[in-house]
């Protein structure tokens, strides 16, 4: 009975979607390159590639500073043979980096336990593993004291710049396909123009990340720059 109800609901949803603006449409600009094609042609540079195989957060902290947190699975060596990994025994850690989006300079790089909190204040000072790193160079560091902890530090993600400003569009987005699951999922195609270059972004929107119009972010590919 439950499967029947789900099936009926799914049919009704699909019928409703296909009878309105959620219906699939043909690509309006087949001659325009996709973002992936521009990356392959080296017309768009991946400043920081997003790792889609693991949990990977990329976030701008100001006009030039950005934060990368990539989840790592550290497997233990197997007792059955040298160099073999035991897939059932692993620890989860996070690779943390603070970098400059313009020149790629790394200010802070560490691999820490997944339970470790990364804290930042409004001046971009960092607390990580009970060590205070002083902005902007992060070269000066010391052990944390009680005064530091009461000084406006929050989780670093809360200091991230909001990526709410979408790139200029030369045409309205379309729904180009649906995929089936427990509920149908809608996939969209977006049409953008940046620095005189038109392109299509499949599945994910593109957002400005700072005051430089050449730099932008897309969830699949990461932080990008138009040449």
C-alpha atoms as a PDB file:
ATOM      1  CA  UNK A   1       0.000   0.000   0.000  1.00  0.00           C
ATOM      2  CA  UNK A   2       2.826   2.389   0.913  1.00  0.00           C
ATOM      3  CA  UNK A   3       4.605   1.706  -2.401  1.00  0.00           C
ATOM      4  CA  UNK A   4       1.350   2.387  -4.268  1.00  0.00           C
ATOM      5  CA  UNK A   5       0.885   5.729  -2.504  1.00  0.00           C
ATOM      6  CA  UNK A   6       4.486   6.734  -3.269  1.00  0.00           C
ATOM      7  CA  UNK A   7       4.064   5.741  -6.929  1.00  0.00           C
ATOM      8  CA  UNK A   8       0.837   7.703  -7.270  1.00  0.00           C
ATOM      9  CA  UNK A   9       2.409  10.727  -5.580  1.00  0.00           C
ATOM     10  CA  UNK A  10       5.440  10.535  -7.873  1.00  0.00           C
ATOM     11  CA  UNK A  11       3.232  10.381 -10.974  1.00  0.00           C
ATOM     12  CA  UNK A  12       1.214  13.366  -9.773  1.00  0.00           C
ATOM     13  CA  UNK A  13       4.391  15.362  -9.061  1.00  0.00           C
ATOM     14  CA  UNK A  14       5.888  14.582 -12.473  1.00  0.00           C
ATOM     15  CA  UNK A  15       2.610  15.399 -14.225  1.00  0.00           C
ATOM     16  CA  UNK A  16       2.348  18.665 -12.340  1.00  0.00           C
ATOM     17  CA  UNK A  17       5.936  19.630 -13.104  1.00  0.00           C
ATOM     18  CA  UNK A  18       5.638  18.860 -16.785  1.00  0.00           C
ATOM     19  CA  UNK A  19       2.493  20.944 -17.088  1.00  0.00           C
ATOM     20  CA  UNK A  20       4.131  24.145 -15.881  1.00  0.00           C
ATOM     21  CA  UNK A  21       7.440  26.024 -15.965  1.00  0.00           C
ATOM     22  CA  UNK A  22       9.239  22.971 -14.560  1.00  0.00           C
ATOM     23  CA  UNK A  23       8.883  21.105 -17.852  1.00  0.00           C
ATOM     24  CA  UNK A  24      12.125  20.149 -19.606  1.00  0.00           C
ATOM     25  CA  UNK A  25      13.292  22.346 -22.475  1.00  0.00           C
ATOM     26  CA  UNK A  26      15.824  22.103 -25.276  1.00  0.00           C
ATOM     27  CA  UNK A  27      19.164  23.894 -24.918  1.00  0.00           C
ATOM     28  CA  UNK A  28      18.581  27.432 -26.188  1.00  0.00           C
ATOM     29  CA  UNK A  29      22.251  27.991 -27.103  1.00  0.00           C
ATOM     30  CA  UNK A  30      23.804  24.718 -28.291  1.00  0.00           C
ATOM     31  CA  UNK A  31      26.697  26.641 -29.872  1.00  0.00           C
ATOM     32  CA  UNK A  32      27.809  28.058 -26.501  1.00  0.00           C
ATOM     33  CA  UNK A  33      30.529  26.135 -24.621  1.00  0.00           C
ATOM     34  CA  UNK A  34      29.904  24.592 -21.227  1.00  0.00           C
ATOM     35  CA  UNK A  35      31.984  25.667 -18.251  1.00  0.00           C
ATOM     36  CA  UNK A  36      33.709  22.274 -18.301  1.00  0.00           C
ATOM     37  CA  UNK A  37      34.691  22.801 -21.950  1.00  0.00           C
ATOM     38  CA  UNK A  38      36.172  26.221 -21.141  1.00  0.00           C
ATOM     39  CA  UNK A  39      38.207  24.691 -18.305  1.00  0.00           C
ATOM     40  CA  UNK A  40      39.496  21.967 -20.655  1.00  0.00           C
ATOM     41  CA  UNK A  41      40.397  24.629 -23.241  1.00  0.00           C
ATOM     42  CA  UNK A  42      42.244  26.620 -20.527  1.00  0.00           C
ATOM     43  CA  UNK A  43      39.982  29.632 -21.008  1.00  0.00           C
ATOM     44  CA  UNK A  44      38.848  29.261 -17.397  1.00  0.00           C
ATOM     45  CA  UNK A  45      41.423  28.472 -14.687  1.00  0.00           C
ATOM     46  CA  UNK A  46      40.613  26.383 -11.627  1.00  0.00           C
ATOM     47  CA  UNK A  47      42.204  28.471  -8.870  1.00  0.00           C
ATOM     48  CA  UNK A  48      41.135  25.863  -6.294  1.00  0.00           C
ATOM     49  CA  UNK A  49      39.603  22.658  -7.546  1.00  0.00           C
ATOM     50  CA  UNK A  50      36.830  21.246  -5.394  1.00  0.00           C
ATOM     51  CA  UNK A  51      37.341  17.579  -4.528  1.00  0.00           C
ATOM     52  CA  UNK A  52      34.003  15.937  -5.316  1.00  0.00           C
ATOM     53  CA  UNK A  53      35.050  12.535  -3.912  1.00  0.00           C
ATOM     54  CA  UNK A  54      34.985  13.719  -0.268  1.00  0.00           C
ATOM     55  CA  UNK A  55      33.410  16.441   1.855  1.00  0.00           C
ATOM     56  CA  UNK A  56      35.251  19.568   0.740  1.00  0.00           C
ATOM     57  CA  UNK A  57      34.353  23.087   1.848  1.00  0.00           C
ATOM     58  CA  UNK A  58      35.635  26.178   0.043  1.00  0.00           C
ATOM     59  CA  UNK A  59      34.713  29.575   1.461  1.00  0.00           C
ATOM     60  CA  UNK A  60      35.891  33.145   0.931  1.00  0.00           C
ATOM     61  CA  UNK A  61      36.745  35.009   4.138  1.00  0.00           C
ATOM     62  CA  UNK A  62      37.413  38.397   2.545  1.00  0.00           C
ATOM     63  CA  UNK A  63      38.342  39.754  -0.883  1.00  0.00           C
ATOM     64  CA  UNK A  64      41.511  37.632  -1.124  1.00  0.00           C
ATOM     65  CA  UNK A  65      41.625  35.133   1.760  1.00  0.00           C
ATOM     66  CA  UNK A  66      39.827  31.805   1.461  1.00  0.00           C
ATOM     67  CA  UNK A  67      39.425  28.674   3.518  1.00  0.00           C
ATOM     68  CA  UNK A  68      39.598  25.051   2.394  1.00  0.00           C
ATOM     69  CA  UNK A  69      38.562  22.085   4.551  1.00  0.00           C
ATOM     70  CA  UNK A  70      38.889  18.648   2.939  1.00  0.00           C
ATOM     71  CA  UNK A  71      37.945  15.432   4.701  1.00  0.00           C
ATOM     72  CA  UNK A  72      40.575  12.670   4.712  1.00  0.00           C
ATOM     73  CA  UNK A  73      40.262   8.992   5.579  1.00  0.00           C
ATOM     74  CA  UNK A  74      43.483   7.736   7.165  1.00  0.00           C
ATOM     75  CA  UNK A  75      43.553   3.941   6.919  1.00  0.00           C
ATOM     76  CA  UNK A  76      45.591   1.760   9.271  1.00  0.00           C
ATOM     77  CA  UNK A  77      48.095  -0.719   7.900  1.00  0.00           C
ATOM     78  CA  UNK A  78      46.857  -4.288   7.716  1.00  0.00           C
ATOM     79  CA  UNK A  79      48.433  -6.930   9.937  1.00  0.00           C
ATOM     80  CA  UNK A  80      48.235  -9.406   7.042  1.00  0.00           C
ATOM     81  CA  UNK A  81      50.904  -7.775   4.928  1.00  0.00           C
ATOM     82  CA  UNK A  82      53.336  -4.873   4.750  1.00  0.00           C
ATOM     83  CA  UNK A  83      51.962  -1.893   2.861  1.00  0.00           C
ATOM     84  CA  UNK A  84      48.404  -3.203   2.801  1.00  0.00           C
ATOM     85  CA  UNK A  85      45.591  -1.084   4.203  1.00  0.00           C
ATOM     86  CA  UNK A  86      42.795  -2.388   6.394  1.00  0.00           C
ATOM     87  CA  UNK A  87      39.647  -0.894   4.862  1.00  0.00           C
ATOM     88  CA  UNK A  88      37.687  -1.523   8.052  1.00  0.00           C
ATOM     89  CA  UNK A  89      40.002   0.563  10.273  1.00  0.00           C
ATOM     90  CA  UNK A  90      40.428   4.248   9.618  1.00  0.00           C
ATOM     91  CA  UNK A  91      40.292   7.656  11.272  1.00  0.00           C
ATOM     92  CA  UNK A  92      38.650  10.729   9.796  1.00  0.00           C
ATOM     93  CA  UNK A  93      40.708  13.917   9.671  1.00  0.00           C
ATOM     94  CA  UNK A  94      40.405  17.329   8.064  1.00  0.00           C
ATOM     95  CA  UNK A  95      43.012  19.000   5.882  1.00  0.00           C
ATOM     96  CA  UNK A  96      42.828  22.723   6.697  1.00  0.00           C
ATOM     97  CA  UNK A  97      44.267  25.487   4.533  1.00  0.00           C
ATOM     98  CA  UNK A  98      44.114  29.281   4.434  1.00  0.00           C
ATOM     99  CA  UNK A  99      45.171  30.630   1.054  1.00  0.00           C
ATOM    100  CA  UNK A 100      45.293  33.767  -1.068  1.00  0.00           C
ATOM    101  CA  UNK A 101      43.009  33.529  -4.083  1.00  0.00           C
ATOM    102  CA  UNK A 102      45.187  35.810  -6.228  1.00  0.00           C
ATOM    103  CA  UNK A 103      48.678  34.366  -5.769  1.00  0.00           C
ATOM    104  CA  UNK A 104      47.990  30.948  -4.250  1.00  0.00           C
ATOM    105  CA  UNK A 105      50.057  31.693  -1.136  1.00  0.00           C
ATOM    106  CA  UNK A 106      49.346  29.293   1.751  1.00  0.00           C
ATOM    107  CA  UNK A 107      49.212  31.055   5.127  1.00  0.00           C
ATOM    108  CA  UNK A 108      48.184  28.056   7.214  1.00  0.00           C
ATOM    109  CA  UNK A 109      48.146  24.338   6.456  1.00  0.00           C
ATOM    110  CA  UNK A 110      47.433  21.516   8.904  1.00  0.00           C
ATOM    111  CA  UNK A 111      45.751  18.129   9.167  1.00  0.00           C
ATOM    112  CA  UNK A 112      43.658  17.795  12.305  1.00  0.00           C
ATOM    113  CA  UNK A 113      41.109  15.496  13.880  1.00  0.00           C
ATOM    114  CA  UNK A 114      37.607  15.810  12.458  1.00  0.00           C
ATOM    115  CA  UNK A 115      36.477  16.782  15.967  1.00  0.00           C
ATOM    116  CA  UNK A 116      38.858  19.766  16.113  1.00  0.00           C
ATOM    117  CA  UNK A 117      37.127  23.138  16.002  1.00  0.00           C
ATOM    118  CA  UNK A 118      38.565  25.830  13.726  1.00  0.00           C
ATOM    119  CA  UNK A 119      37.718  29.238  15.180  1.00  0.00           C
ATOM    120  CA  UNK A 120      38.140  32.741  13.757  1.00  0.00           C
ATOM    121  CA  UNK A 121      37.406  36.260  14.973  1.00  0.00           C
ATOM    122  CA  UNK A 122      36.460  39.358  12.968  1.00  0.00           C
ATOM    123  CA  UNK A 123      40.136  40.240  12.495  1.00  0.00           C
ATOM    124  CA  UNK A 124      40.732  36.795  10.944  1.00  0.00           C
ATOM    125  CA  UNK A 125      42.901  35.541  13.792  1.00  0.00           C
ATOM    126  CA  UNK A 126      42.669  31.744  14.060  1.00  0.00           C
ATOM    127  CA  UNK A 127      42.452  29.299  16.969  1.00  0.00           C
ATOM    128  CA  UNK A 128      43.248  25.712  16.025  1.00  0.00           C
ATOM    129  CA  UNK A 129      44.159  22.891  18.436  1.00  0.00           C
ATOM    130  CA  UNK A 130      44.560  25.398  21.292  1.00  0.00           C
ATOM    131  CA  UNK A 131      47.042  27.468  19.282  1.00  0.00           C
ATOM    132  CA  UNK A 132      46.387  31.140  18.450  1.00  0.00           C
ATOM    133  CA  UNK A 133      47.533  32.204  14.946  1.00  0.00           C
ATOM    134  CA  UNK A 134      47.734  35.957  14.416  1.00  0.00           C
ATOM    135  CA  UNK A 135      46.489  37.461  11.141  1.00  0.00           C
ATOM    136  CA  UNK A 136      47.416  38.518   8.552  1.00  0.00           C
ATOM    137  CA  UNK A 137      50.648  36.503   8.232  1.00  0.00           C
ATOM    138  CA  UNK A 138      49.734  33.685  10.681  1.00  0.00           C
ATOM    139  CA  UNK A 139      53.455  33.322  11.416  1.00  0.00           C
ATOM    140  CA  UNK A 140      53.078  34.575  15.000  1.00  0.00           C
ATOM    141  CA  UNK A 141      51.506  31.898  17.172  1.00  0.00           C
ATOM    142  CA  UNK A 142      51.125  31.068  20.846  1.00  0.00           C
ATOM    143  CA  UNK A 143      49.106  28.853  23.147  1.00  0.00           C
ATOM    144  CA  UNK A 144      45.545  30.017  23.714  1.00  0.00           C
ATOM    145  CA  UNK A 145      44.651  31.639  27.033  1.00  0.00           C
ATOM    146  CA  UNK A 146      41.247  32.299  28.600  1.00  0.00           C
ATOM    147  CA  UNK A 147      41.194  35.893  27.344  1.00  0.00           C
ATOM    148  CA  UNK A 148      41.365  34.709  23.741  1.00  0.00           C
ATOM    149  CA  UNK A 149      38.372  32.410  24.023  1.00  0.00           C
ATOM    150  CA  UNK A 150      36.106  35.241  25.193  1.00  0.00           C
ATOM    151  CA  UNK A 151      37.162  37.537  22.383  1.00  0.00           C
ATOM    152  CA  UNK A 152      34.584  36.980  19.656  1.00  0.00           C
ATOM    153  CA  UNK A 153      35.833  33.704  18.190  1.00  0.00           C
ATOM    154  CA  UNK A 154      33.265  31.628  16.290  1.00  0.00           C
ATOM    155  CA  UNK A 155      33.381  28.667  13.906  1.00  0.00           C
ATOM    156  CA  UNK A 156      35.298  29.736  10.811  1.00  0.00           C
ATOM    157  CA  UNK A 157      32.343  28.949   8.539  1.00  0.00           C
ATOM    158  CA  UNK A 158      30.388  31.750  10.270  1.00  0.00           C
ATOM    159  CA  UNK A 159      32.978  34.268   9.045  1.00  0.00           C
ATOM    160  CA  UNK A 160      32.571  33.228   5.407  1.00  0.00           C
ATOM    161  CA  UNK A 161      31.491  35.815   2.850  1.00  0.00           C
ATOM    162  CA  UNK A 162      27.989  35.158   1.524  1.00  0.00           C
ATOM    163  CA  UNK A 163      28.027  34.095  -2.137  1.00  0.00           C
ATOM    164  CA  UNK A 164      24.626  35.488  -2.973  1.00  0.00           C
ATOM    165  CA  UNK A 165      25.503  37.483  -6.091  1.00  0.00           C
ATOM    166  CA  UNK A 166      25.035  35.404  -9.213  1.00  0.00           C
ATOM    167  CA  UNK A 167      26.977  36.033 -12.412  1.00  0.00           C
ATOM    168  CA  UNK A 168      25.329  38.065 -15.210  1.00  0.00           C
ATOM    169  CA  UNK A 169      23.010  35.902 -17.326  1.00  0.00           C
ATOM    170  CA  UNK A 170      22.558  36.327 -21.081  1.00  0.00           C
ATOM    171  CA  UNK A 171      19.453  34.127 -21.039  1.00  0.00           C
ATOM    172  CA  UNK A 172      17.085  32.572 -18.516  1.00  0.00           C
ATOM    173  CA  UNK A 173      17.947  29.168 -17.058  1.00  0.00           C
ATOM    174  CA  UNK A 174      16.085  26.068 -18.197  1.00  0.00           C
ATOM    175  CA  UNK A 175      15.210  22.653 -16.781  1.00  0.00           C
ATOM    176  CA  UNK A 176      17.049  20.295 -19.118  1.00  0.00           C
ATOM    177  CA  UNK A 177      16.292  16.944 -17.472  1.00  0.00           C
ATOM    178  CA  UNK A 178      14.773  15.077 -14.533  1.00  0.00           C
ATOM    179  CA  UNK A 179      16.212  12.037 -12.802  1.00  0.00           C
ATOM    180  CA  UNK A 180      14.202   9.494 -10.847  1.00  0.00           C
ATOM    181  CA  UNK A 181      14.709   8.510  -7.244  1.00  0.00           C
ATOM    182  CA  UNK A 182      12.384   8.336  -4.275  1.00  0.00           C
ATOM    183  CA  UNK A 183      11.269  11.693  -5.630  1.00  0.00           C
ATOM    184  CA  UNK A 184      12.149  13.156  -9.049  1.00  0.00           C
ATOM    185  CA  UNK A 185      15.111  15.557  -9.112  1.00  0.00           C
ATOM    186  CA  UNK A 186      15.270  18.608 -11.353  1.00  0.00           C
ATOM    187  CA  UNK A 187      18.489  19.555 -13.207  1.00  0.00           C
ATOM    188  CA  UNK A 188      18.963  23.055 -14.584  1.00  0.00           C
ATOM    189  CA  UNK A 189      21.214  24.730 -17.135  1.00  0.00           C
ATOM    190  CA  UNK A 190      22.354  28.306 -16.536  1.00  0.00           C
ATOM    191  CA  UNK A 191      23.487  30.772 -19.210  1.00  0.00           C
ATOM    192  CA  UNK A 192      26.176  33.250 -18.165  1.00  0.00           C
ATOM    193  CA  UNK A 193      28.382  35.921 -19.723  1.00  0.00           C
ATOM    194  CA  UNK A 194      31.556  37.035 -17.959  1.00  0.00           C
ATOM    195  CA  UNK A 195      34.301  39.260 -19.323  1.00  0.00           C
ATOM    196  CA  UNK A 196      32.785  38.943 -22.797  1.00  0.00           C
ATOM    197  CA  UNK A 197      32.754  35.111 -22.668  1.00  0.00           C
ATOM    198  CA  UNK A 198      29.434  33.287 -22.819  1.00  0.00           C
ATOM    199  CA  UNK A 199      29.131  29.837 -21.250  1.00  0.00           C
ATOM    200  CA  UNK A 200      26.680  27.318 -19.852  1.00  0.00           C
ATOM    201  CA  UNK A 201      26.833  25.969 -16.308  1.00  0.00           C
ATOM    202  CA  UNK A 202      25.180  22.559 -16.012  1.00  0.00           C
ATOM    203  CA  UNK A 203      23.524  21.674 -12.731  1.00  0.00           C
ATOM    204  CA  UNK A 204      24.997  24.422 -10.530  1.00  0.00           C
ATOM    205  CA  UNK A 205      24.794  28.196 -10.380  1.00  0.00           C
ATOM    206  CA  UNK A 206      27.880  30.431 -10.521  1.00  0.00           C
ATOM    207  CA  UNK A 207      28.528  33.193  -7.991  1.00  0.00           C
ATOM    208  CA  UNK A 208      30.871  36.147  -7.643  1.00  0.00           C
ATOM    209  CA  UNK A 209      33.336  35.712  -4.789  1.00  0.00           C
ATOM    210  CA  UNK A 210      34.996  39.141  -4.487  1.00  0.00           C
ATOM    211  CA  UNK A 211      35.364  42.547  -6.111  1.00  0.00           C
ATOM    212  CA  UNK A 212      37.399  41.193  -9.044  1.00  0.00           C
ATOM    213  CA  UNK A 213      34.874  40.331 -11.794  1.00  0.00           C
ATOM    214  CA  UNK A 214      37.046  37.557 -13.255  1.00  0.00           C
ATOM    215  CA  UNK A 215      36.781  35.348 -10.155  1.00  0.00           C
ATOM    216  CA  UNK A 216      33.747  33.191  -9.404  1.00  0.00           C
ATOM    217  CA  UNK A 217      32.628  29.971  -7.714  1.00  0.00           C
ATOM    218  CA  UNK A 218      30.748  26.913  -8.937  1.00  0.00           C
ATOM    219  CA  UNK A 219      29.914  24.051  -6.582  1.00  0.00           C
ATOM    220  CA  UNK A 220      31.192  21.302  -8.885  1.00  0.00           C
ATOM    221  CA  UNK A 221      34.473  22.874 -10.027  1.00  0.00           C
ATOM    222  CA  UNK A 222      35.433  25.184  -7.131  1.00  0.00           C
ATOM    223  CA  UNK A 223      37.012  28.647  -7.297  1.00  0.00           C
ATOM    224  CA  UNK A 224      37.506  29.750 -10.891  1.00  0.00           C
ATOM    225  CA  UNK A 225      39.005  32.595 -12.893  1.00  0.00           C
ATOM    226  CA  UNK A 226      38.082  33.742 -16.385  1.00  0.00           C
ATOM    227  CA  UNK A 227      41.246  34.380 -18.430  1.00  0.00           C
END
